[in-house]
């Protein structure tokens, strides 16, 4: 795991807000994926609290891994009304 430079420079709240915006992720979705409470995410994003090590690691793991994108395709030989979902990183 790589810790982003902004976090090391002491700007966890700014990094968090920018990373969530880049991923188009809400505070509630981040809380769900990281396994922490929404109120904790809110306090971290507003700069009202500093994260514990466990919380910081959970948030970084969610926001720094490649985003999965769902693509709908119709492989050859399939009926037009039977789309195929495929997850891709990126």
PDB file of N, CA and C in Angstrom:
ATOM      1  N   UNK A   1       0.848  -1.178   0.000  1.00  0.00           N
ATOM      2  CA  UNK A   1       0.000   0.000   0.000  1.00  0.00           C
ATOM      3  C   UNK A   1       0.891   1.237   0.000  1.00  0.00           C
ATOM      4  N   UNK A   2       0.519   2.200  -0.817  1.00  0.00           N
ATOM      5  CA  UNK A   2       1.249   3.461  -0.908  1.00  0.00           C
ATOM      6  C   UNK A   2       0.425   4.545  -0.230  1.00  0.00           C
ATOM      7  N   UNK A   3       1.053   5.289   0.662  1.00  0.00           N
ATOM      8  CA  UNK A   3       0.370   6.391   1.341  1.00  0.00           C
ATOM      9  C   UNK A   3       0.562   7.647   0.495  1.00  0.00           C
ATOM     10  N   UNK A   4      -0.514   8.282   0.080  1.00  0.00           N
ATOM     11  CA  UNK A   4      -0.398   9.485  -0.752  1.00  0.00           C
ATOM     12  C   UNK A   4       0.407  10.591  -0.061  1.00  0.00           C
ATOM     13  N   UNK A   5       1.167  11.338  -0.854  1.00  0.00           N
ATOM     14  CA  UNK A   5       2.045  12.392  -0.339  1.00  0.00           C
ATOM     15  C   UNK A   5       1.270  13.435   0.467  1.00  0.00           C
ATOM     16  N   UNK A   6       0.065  13.800   0.042  1.00  0.00           N
ATOM     17  CA  UNK A   6      -0.716  14.810   0.773  1.00  0.00           C
ATOM     18  C   UNK A   6      -1.017  14.376   2.188  1.00  0.00           C
ATOM     19  N   UNK A   7      -1.236  13.081   2.378  1.00  0.00           N
ATOM     20  CA  UNK A   7      -1.494  12.587   3.734  1.00  0.00           C
ATOM     21  C   UNK A   7      -0.233  12.724   4.565  1.00  0.00           C
ATOM     22  N   UNK A   8       0.910  12.350   3.980  1.00  0.00           N
ATOM     23  CA  UNK A   8       2.180  12.467   4.707  1.00  0.00           C
ATOM     24  C   UNK A   8       2.506  13.920   5.029  1.00  0.00           C
ATOM     25  N   UNK A   9       2.024  14.837   4.184  1.00  0.00           N
ATOM     26  CA  UNK A   9       2.255  16.269   4.423  1.00  0.00           C
ATOM     27  C   UNK A   9       1.245  16.872   5.395  1.00  0.00           C
ATOM     28  N   UNK A  10       0.308  16.038   5.904  1.00  0.00           N
ATOM     29  CA  UNK A  10      -0.624  16.505   6.928  1.00  0.00           C
ATOM     30  C   UNK A  10      -1.964  16.999   6.418  1.00  0.00           C
ATOM     31  N   UNK A  11      -2.287  16.707   5.158  1.00  0.00           N
ATOM     32  CA  UNK A  11      -3.558  17.181   4.601  1.00  0.00           C
ATOM     33  C   UNK A  11      -4.498  16.006   4.313  1.00  0.00           C
ATOM     34  N   UNK A  12      -4.835  15.249   5.347  1.00  0.00           N
ATOM     35  CA  UNK A  12      -5.717  14.095   5.155  1.00  0.00           C
ATOM     36  C   UNK A  12      -7.094  14.539   4.679  1.00  0.00           C
ATOM     37  N   UNK A  13      -7.638  15.599   5.273  1.00  0.00           N
ATOM     38  CA  UNK A  13      -8.983  16.064   4.916  1.00  0.00           C
ATOM     39  C   UNK A  13      -9.041  16.504   3.454  1.00  0.00           C
ATOM     40  N   UNK A  14      -8.065  17.267   3.015  1.00  0.00           N
ATOM     41  CA  UNK A  14      -8.041  17.723   1.623  1.00  0.00           C
ATOM     42  C   UNK A  14      -7.886  16.569   0.654  1.00  0.00           C
ATOM     43  N   UNK A  15      -6.982  15.643   0.976  1.00  0.00           N
ATOM     44  CA  UNK A  15      -6.812  14.455   0.130  1.00  0.00           C
ATOM     45  C   UNK A  15      -8.104  13.653   0.068  1.00  0.00           C
ATOM     46  N   UNK A  16      -8.750  13.482   1.210  1.00  0.00           N
ATOM     47  CA  UNK A  16      -9.978  12.698   1.270  1.00  0.00           C
ATOM     48  C   UNK A  16     -11.071  13.318   0.397  1.00  0.00           C
ATOM     49  N   UNK A  17     -11.283  14.605   0.523  1.00  0.00           N
ATOM     50  CA  UNK A  17     -12.306  15.277  -0.287  1.00  0.00           C
ATOM     51  C   UNK A  17     -11.992  15.150  -1.783  1.00  0.00           C
ATOM     52  N   UNK A  18     -10.735  15.375  -2.165  1.00  0.00           N
ATOM     53  CA  UNK A  18     -10.357  15.294  -3.576  1.00  0.00           C
ATOM     54  C   UNK A  18     -10.451  13.868  -4.111  1.00  0.00           C
ATOM     55  N   UNK A  19     -10.034  12.887  -3.311  1.00  0.00           N
ATOM     56  CA  UNK A  19     -10.093  11.489  -3.745  1.00  0.00           C
ATOM     57  C   UNK A  19     -11.535  11.026  -3.911  1.00  0.00           C
ATOM     58  N   UNK A  20     -12.410  11.452  -3.008  1.00  0.00           N
ATOM     59  CA  UNK A  20     -13.824  11.096  -3.127  1.00  0.00           C
ATOM     60  C   UNK A  20     -14.432  11.752  -4.371  1.00  0.00           C
ATOM     61  N   UNK A  21     -14.085  13.002  -4.628  1.00  0.00           N
ATOM     62  CA  UNK A  21     -14.610  13.700  -5.809  1.00  0.00           C
ATOM     63  C   UNK A  21     -14.112  13.037  -7.092  1.00  0.00           C
ATOM     64  N   UNK A  22     -12.834  12.650  -7.119  1.00  0.00           N
ATOM     65  CA  UNK A  22     -12.270  12.007  -8.311  1.00  0.00           C
ATOM     66  C   UNK A  22     -12.952  10.677  -8.609  1.00  0.00           C
ATOM     67  N   UNK A  23     -13.376   9.982  -7.552  1.00  0.00           N
ATOM     68  CA  UNK A  23     -14.051   8.694  -7.727  1.00  0.00           C
ATOM     69  C   UNK A  23     -15.568   8.842  -7.767  1.00  0.00           C
ATOM     70  N   UNK A  24     -16.048  10.082  -7.643  1.00  0.00           N
ATOM     71  CA  UNK A  24     -17.494  10.340  -7.606  1.00  0.00           C
ATOM     72  C   UNK A  24     -18.161   9.490  -6.519  1.00  0.00           C
ATOM     73  N   UNK A  25     -17.542   9.476  -5.341  1.00  0.00           N
ATOM     74  CA  UNK A  25     -18.003   8.641  -4.239  1.00  0.00           C
ATOM     75  C   UNK A  25     -18.558   9.511  -3.117  1.00  0.00           C
ATOM     76  N   UNK A  26     -19.715   9.141  -2.617  1.00  0.00           N
ATOM     77  CA  UNK A  26     -20.321   9.883  -1.512  1.00  0.00           C
ATOM     78  C   UNK A  26     -19.682   9.462  -0.185  1.00  0.00           C
ATOM     79  N   UNK A  27     -19.917  10.276   0.829  1.00  0.00           N
ATOM     80  CA  UNK A  27     -19.424   9.935   2.159  1.00  0.00           C
ATOM     81  C   UNK A  27     -20.039   8.635   2.644  1.00  0.00           C
ATOM     82  N   UNK A  28     -21.307   8.442   2.382  1.00  0.00           N
ATOM     83  CA  UNK A  28     -21.978   7.214   2.823  1.00  0.00           C
ATOM     84  C   UNK A  28     -21.429   5.973   2.119  1.00  0.00           C
ATOM     85  N   UNK A  29     -21.126   6.094   0.822  1.00  0.00           N
ATOM     86  CA  UNK A  29     -20.570   4.959   0.097  1.00  0.00           C
ATOM     87  C   UNK A  29     -19.173   4.634   0.609  1.00  0.00           C
ATOM     88  N   UNK A  30     -18.367   5.654   0.864  1.00  0.00           N
ATOM     89  CA  UNK A  30     -17.032   5.418   1.410  1.00  0.00           C
ATOM     90  C   UNK A  30     -17.136   4.744   2.771  1.00  0.00           C
ATOM     91  N   UNK A  31     -18.037   5.228   3.611  1.00  0.00           N
ATOM     92  CA  UNK A  31     -18.214   4.638   4.933  1.00  0.00           C
ATOM     93  C   UNK A  31     -18.579   3.163   4.819  1.00  0.00           C
ATOM     94  N   UNK A  32     -19.492   2.846   3.909  1.00  0.00           N
ATOM     95  CA  UNK A  32     -19.911   1.457   3.710  1.00  0.00           C
ATOM     96  C   UNK A  32     -18.751   0.597   3.250  1.00  0.00           C
ATOM     97  N   UNK A  33     -18.024   1.065   2.235  1.00  0.00           N
ATOM     98  CA  UNK A  33     -16.928   0.270   1.669  1.00  0.00           C
ATOM     99  C   UNK A  33     -15.748   0.135   2.617  1.00  0.00           C
ATOM    100  N   UNK A  34     -15.505   1.156   3.449  1.00  0.00           N
ATOM    101  CA  UNK A  34     -14.375   1.114   4.372  1.00  0.00           C
ATOM    102  C   UNK A  34     -14.728   0.460   5.702  1.00  0.00           C
ATOM    103  N   UNK A  35     -16.021   0.266   5.950  1.00  0.00           N
ATOM    104  CA  UNK A  35     -16.432  -0.353   7.207  1.00  0.00           C
ATOM    105  C   UNK A  35     -16.344   0.581   8.398  1.00  0.00           C
ATOM    106  N   UNK A  36     -16.586   1.860   8.148  1.00  0.00           N
ATOM    107  CA  UNK A  36     -16.573   2.848   9.232  1.00  0.00           C
ATOM    108  C   UNK A  36     -17.889   3.618   9.191  1.00  0.00           C
ATOM    109  N   UNK A  37     -18.136   4.426  10.195  1.00  0.00           N
ATOM    110  CA  UNK A  37     -19.412   5.151  10.252  1.00  0.00           C
ATOM    111  C   UNK A  37     -19.377   6.385   9.346  1.00  0.00           C
ATOM    112  N   UNK A  38     -20.563   6.764   8.884  1.00  0.00           N
ATOM    113  CA  UNK A  38     -20.683   7.952   8.050  1.00  0.00           C
ATOM    114  C   UNK A  38     -20.235   9.191   8.821  1.00  0.00           C
ATOM    115  N   UNK A  39     -20.545   9.256  10.099  1.00  0.00           N
ATOM    116  CA  UNK A  39     -20.160  10.436  10.877  1.00  0.00           C
ATOM    117  C   UNK A  39     -18.638  10.556  10.980  1.00  0.00           C
ATOM    118  N   UNK A  40     -17.943   9.434  11.009  1.00  0.00           N
ATOM    119  CA  UNK A  40     -16.478   9.463  11.022  1.00  0.00           C
ATOM    120  C   UNK A  40     -15.955  10.028   9.713  1.00  0.00           C
ATOM    121  N   UNK A  41     -16.506   9.583   8.592  1.00  0.00           N
ATOM    122  CA  UNK A  41     -16.088  10.099   7.286  1.00  0.00           C
ATOM    123  C   UNK A  41     -16.345  11.597   7.220  1.00  0.00           C
ATOM    124  N   UNK A  42     -17.501  12.035   7.686  1.00  0.00           N
ATOM    125  CA  UNK A  42     -17.832  13.455   7.679  1.00  0.00           C
ATOM    126  C   UNK A  42     -16.804  14.257   8.481  1.00  0.00           C
ATOM    127  N   UNK A  43     -16.506  13.818   9.700  1.00  0.00           N
ATOM    128  CA  UNK A  43     -15.544  14.544  10.545  1.00  0.00           C
ATOM    129  C   UNK A  43     -14.154  14.575   9.916  1.00  0.00           C
ATOM    130  N   UNK A  44     -13.750  13.477   9.277  1.00  0.00           N
ATOM    131  CA  UNK A  44     -12.446  13.437   8.612  1.00  0.00           C
ATOM    132  C   UNK A  44     -12.414  14.386   7.416  1.00  0.00           C
ATOM    133  N   UNK A  45     -13.465  14.373   6.608  1.00  0.00           N
ATOM    134  CA  UNK A  45     -13.521  15.213   5.411  1.00  0.00           C
ATOM    135  C   UNK A  45     -13.570  16.696   5.757  1.00  0.00           C
ATOM    136  N   UNK A  46     -14.183  17.038   6.862  1.00  0.00           N
ATOM    137  CA  UNK A  46     -14.277  18.434   7.285  1.00  0.00           C
ATOM    138  C   UNK A  46     -13.042  18.884   8.062  1.00  0.00           C
ATOM    139  N   UNK A  47     -12.139  17.960   8.356  1.00  0.00           N
ATOM    140  CA  UNK A  47     -10.939  18.299   9.108  1.00  0.00           C
ATOM    141  C   UNK A  47     -11.186  18.450  10.595  1.00  0.00           C
ATOM    142  N   UNK A  48     -12.316  17.941  11.065  1.00  0.00           N
ATOM    143  CA  UNK A  48     -12.678  18.060  12.481  1.00  0.00           C
ATOM    144  C   UNK A  48     -12.006  16.999  13.342  1.00  0.00           C
ATOM    145  N   UNK A  49     -11.449  15.964  12.697  1.00  0.00           N
ATOM    146  CA  UNK A  49     -10.806  14.881  13.444  1.00  0.00           C
ATOM    147  C   UNK A  49      -9.664  14.321  12.615  1.00  0.00           C
ATOM    148  N   UNK A  50      -8.709  13.713  13.289  1.00  0.00           N
ATOM    149  CA  UNK A  50      -7.636  12.984  12.627  1.00  0.00           C
ATOM    150  C   UNK A  50      -7.972  11.502  12.697  1.00  0.00           C
ATOM    151  N   UNK A  51      -7.663  10.757  11.632  1.00  0.00           N
ATOM    152  CA  UNK A  51      -8.018   9.338  11.635  1.00  0.00           C
ATOM    153  C   UNK A  51      -7.082   8.512  12.507  1.00  0.00           C
ATOM    154  N   UNK A  52      -7.627   7.434  13.046  1.00  0.00           N
ATOM    155  CA  UNK A  52      -6.759   6.455  13.685  1.00  0.00           C
ATOM    156  C   UNK A  52      -6.018   5.730  12.568  1.00  0.00           C
ATOM    157  N   UNK A  53      -4.999   4.989  12.907  1.00  0.00           N
ATOM    158  CA  UNK A  53      -4.250   4.256  11.893  1.00  0.00           C
ATOM    159  C   UNK A  53      -5.158   3.278  11.151  1.00  0.00           C
ATOM    160  N   UNK A  54      -5.995   2.567  11.892  1.00  0.00           N
ATOM    161  CA  UNK A  54      -6.896   1.583  11.271  1.00  0.00           C
ATOM    162  C   UNK A  54      -7.876   2.260  10.315  1.00  0.00           C
ATOM    163  N   UNK A  55      -8.409   3.398  10.709  1.00  0.00           N
ATOM    164  CA  UNK A  55      -9.353   4.121   9.861  1.00  0.00           C
ATOM    165  C   UNK A  55      -8.655   4.664   8.622  1.00  0.00           C
ATOM    166  N   UNK A  56      -7.473   5.233   8.789  1.00  0.00           N
ATOM    167  CA  UNK A  56      -6.723   5.762   7.648  1.00  0.00           C
ATOM    168  C   UNK A  56      -6.417   4.656   6.642  1.00  0.00           C
ATOM    169  N   UNK A  57      -5.986   3.509   7.123  1.00  0.00           N
ATOM    170  CA  UNK A  57      -5.673   2.384   6.231  1.00  0.00           C
ATOM    171  C   UNK A  57      -6.920   1.922   5.494  1.00  0.00           C
ATOM    172  N   UNK A  58      -8.048   1.822   6.187  1.00  0.00           N
ATOM    173  CA  UNK A  58      -9.291   1.386   5.553  1.00  0.00           C
ATOM    174  C   UNK A  58      -9.715   2.355   4.452  1.00  0.00           C
ATOM    175  N   UNK A  59      -9.613   3.646   4.716  1.00  0.00           N
ATOM    176  CA  UNK A  59     -10.016   4.662   3.743  1.00  0.00           C
ATOM    177  C   UNK A  59      -9.057   4.667   2.545  1.00  0.00           C
ATOM    178  N   UNK A  60      -7.767   4.604   2.803  1.00  0.00           N
ATOM    179  CA  UNK A  60      -6.776   4.589   1.720  1.00  0.00           C
ATOM    180  C   UNK A  60      -6.975   3.369   0.835  1.00  0.00           C
ATOM    181  N   UNK A  61      -7.225   2.221   1.431  1.00  0.00           N
ATOM    182  CA  UNK A  61      -7.431   1.005   0.635  1.00  0.00           C
ATOM    183  C   UNK A  61      -8.625   1.147  -0.309  1.00  0.00           C
ATOM    184  N   UNK A  62      -9.675   1.772   0.159  1.00  0.00           N
ATOM    185  CA  UNK A  62     -10.860   1.945  -0.694  1.00  0.00           C
ATOM    186  C   UNK A  62     -10.578   2.946  -1.808  1.00  0.00           C
ATOM    187  N   UNK A  63      -9.967   4.068  -1.477  1.00  0.00           N
ATOM    188  CA  UNK A  63      -9.820   5.154  -2.445  1.00  0.00           C
ATOM    189  C   UNK A  63      -8.606   5.022  -3.361  1.00  0.00           C
ATOM    190  N   UNK A  64      -7.616   4.235  -2.995  1.00  0.00           N
ATOM    191  CA  UNK A  64      -6.423   4.125  -3.823  1.00  0.00           C
ATOM    192  C   UNK A  64      -6.410   2.897  -4.721  1.00  0.00           C
ATOM    193  N   UNK A  65      -7.361   1.985  -4.555  1.00  0.00           N
ATOM    194  CA  UNK A  65      -7.386   0.830  -5.468  1.00  0.00           C
ATOM    195  C   UNK A  65      -8.071   1.238  -6.764  1.00  0.00           C
ATOM    196  N   UNK A  66      -7.753   0.538  -7.851  1.00  0.00           N
ATOM    197  CA  UNK A  66      -8.369   0.897  -9.138  1.00  0.00           C
ATOM    198  C   UNK A  66      -9.891   0.774  -9.065  1.00  0.00           C
ATOM    199  N   UNK A  67     -10.558   1.724  -9.679  1.00  0.00           N
ATOM    200  CA  UNK A  67     -12.021   1.709  -9.706  1.00  0.00           C
ATOM    201  C   UNK A  67     -12.497   0.623 -10.665  1.00  0.00           C
ATOM    202  N   UNK A  68     -13.570  -0.053 -10.301  1.00  0.00           N
ATOM    203  CA  UNK A  68     -14.182  -1.017 -11.199  1.00  0.00           C
ATOM    204  C   UNK A  68     -15.265  -0.318 -11.994  1.00  0.00           C
ATOM    205  N   UNK A  69     -15.279  -0.567 -13.257  1.00  0.00           N
ATOM    206  CA  UNK A  69     -16.300  -0.006 -14.140  1.00  0.00           C
ATOM    207  C   UNK A  69     -17.077  -1.170 -14.743  1.00  0.00           C
ATOM    208  N   UNK A  70     -18.377  -1.053 -14.737  1.00  0.00           N
ATOM    209  CA  UNK A  70     -19.207  -2.079 -15.363  1.00  0.00           C
ATOM    210  C   UNK A  70     -19.487  -1.678 -16.803  1.00  0.00           C
ATOM    211  N   UNK A  71     -19.232  -2.602 -17.684  1.00  0.00           N
ATOM    212  CA  UNK A  71     -19.504  -2.378 -19.096  1.00  0.00           C
ATOM    213  C   UNK A  71     -20.580  -3.351 -19.527  1.00  0.00           C
ATOM    214  N   UNK A  72     -21.510  -2.859 -20.298  1.00  0.00           N
ATOM    215  CA  UNK A  72     -22.554  -3.721 -20.839  1.00  0.00           C
ATOM    216  C   UNK A  72     -22.192  -3.997 -22.288  1.00  0.00           C
ATOM    217  N   UNK A  73     -22.050  -5.266 -22.601  1.00  0.00           N
ATOM    218  CA  UNK A  73     -21.728  -5.653 -23.965  1.00  0.00           C
ATOM    219  C   UNK A  73     -22.649  -6.785 -24.387  1.00  0.00           C
ATOM    220  N   UNK A  74     -22.688  -7.000 -25.645  1.00  0.00           N
ATOM    221  CA  UNK A  74     -23.489  -8.102 -26.204  1.00  0.00           C
ATOM    222  C   UNK A  74     -22.554  -8.991 -27.010  1.00  0.00           C
ATOM    223  N   UNK A  75     -22.010 -10.041 -26.386  1.00  0.00           N
ATOM    224  CA  UNK A  75     -21.117 -10.941 -27.113  1.00  0.00           C
ATOM    225  C   UNK A  75     -21.825 -11.568 -28.308  1.00  0.00           C
ATOM    226  N   UNK A  76     -21.048 -11.900 -29.312  1.00  0.00           N
ATOM    227  CA  UNK A  76     -21.596 -12.520 -30.520  1.00  0.00           C
ATOM    228  C   UNK A  76     -22.344 -13.786 -30.152  1.00  0.00           C
ATOM    229  N   UNK A  77     -23.468 -13.982 -30.781  1.00  0.00           N
ATOM    230  CA  UNK A  77     -24.247 -15.193 -30.546  1.00  0.00           C
ATOM    231  C   UNK A  77     -25.283 -15.064 -29.449  1.00  0.00           C
ATOM    232  N   UNK A  78     -25.272 -13.970 -28.719  1.00  0.00           N
ATOM    233  CA  UNK A  78     -26.271 -13.768 -27.672  1.00  0.00           C
ATOM    234  C   UNK A  78     -27.430 -12.959 -28.222  1.00  0.00           C
ATOM    235  N   UNK A  79     -28.562 -13.210 -27.684  1.00  0.00           N
ATOM    236  CA  UNK A  79     -29.758 -12.473 -28.094  1.00  0.00           C
ATOM    237  C   UNK A  79     -29.591 -10.996 -27.736  1.00  0.00           C
ATOM    238  N   UNK A  80     -30.137 -10.083 -28.553  1.00  0.00           N
ATOM    239  CA  UNK A  80     -30.005  -8.654 -28.275  1.00  0.00           C
ATOM    240  C   UNK A  80     -30.565  -8.243 -26.924  1.00  0.00           C
ATOM    241  N   UNK A  81     -31.500  -8.975 -26.384  1.00  0.00           N
ATOM    242  CA  UNK A  81     -32.083  -8.602 -25.092  1.00  0.00           C
ATOM    243  C   UNK A  81     -31.370  -9.279 -23.934  1.00  0.00           C
ATOM    244  N   UNK A  82     -30.237  -9.908 -24.159  1.00  0.00           N
ATOM    245  CA  UNK A  82     -29.477 -10.585 -23.093  1.00  0.00           C
ATOM    246  C   UNK A  82     -28.105  -9.949 -22.946  1.00  0.00           C
ATOM    247  N   UNK A  83     -28.021  -8.772 -22.306  1.00  0.00           N
ATOM    248  CA  UNK A  83     -26.728  -8.115 -22.147  1.00  0.00           C
ATOM    249  C   UNK A  83     -25.822  -8.902 -21.202  1.00  0.00           C
ATOM    250  N   UNK A  84     -24.564  -8.673 -21.359  1.00  0.00           N
ATOM    251  CA  UNK A  84     -23.544  -9.340 -20.551  1.00  0.00           C
ATOM    252  C   UNK A  84     -22.793  -8.262 -19.785  1.00  0.00           C
ATOM    253  N   UNK A  85     -22.724  -8.373 -18.460  1.00  0.00           N
ATOM    254  CA  UNK A  85     -21.990  -7.395 -17.642  1.00  0.00           C
ATOM    255  C   UNK A  85     -20.578  -7.874 -17.443  1.00  0.00           C
ATOM    256  N   UNK A  86     -19.634  -6.940 -17.538  1.00  0.00           N
ATOM    257  CA  UNK A  86     -18.237  -7.278 -17.338  1.00  0.00           C
ATOM    258  C   UNK A  86     -17.613  -6.169 -16.511  1.00  0.00           C
ATOM    259  N   UNK A  87     -16.883  -6.528 -15.462  1.00  0.00           N
ATOM    260  CA  UNK A  87     -16.193  -5.534 -14.625  1.00  0.00           C
ATOM    261  C   UNK A  87     -14.772  -5.380 -15.124  1.00  0.00           C
ATOM    262  N   UNK A  88     -14.346  -4.125 -15.254  1.00  0.00           N
ATOM    263  CA  UNK A  88     -12.990  -3.838 -15.655  1.00  0.00           C
ATOM    264  C   UNK A  88     -12.395  -2.817 -14.706  1.00  0.00           C
ATOM    265  N   UNK A  89     -11.097  -2.887 -14.511  1.00  0.00           N
ATOM    266  CA  UNK A  89     -10.413  -1.912 -13.661  1.00  0.00           C
ATOM    267  C   UNK A  89     -10.093  -0.693 -14.500  1.00  0.00           C
ATOM    268  N   UNK A  90     -10.167   0.457 -13.857  1.00  0.00           N
ATOM    269  CA  UNK A  90      -9.751   1.639 -14.595  1.00  0.00           C
ATOM    270  C   UNK A  90     -10.604   2.767 -14.321  1.00  0.00           C
TER     271      UNK A  90
END
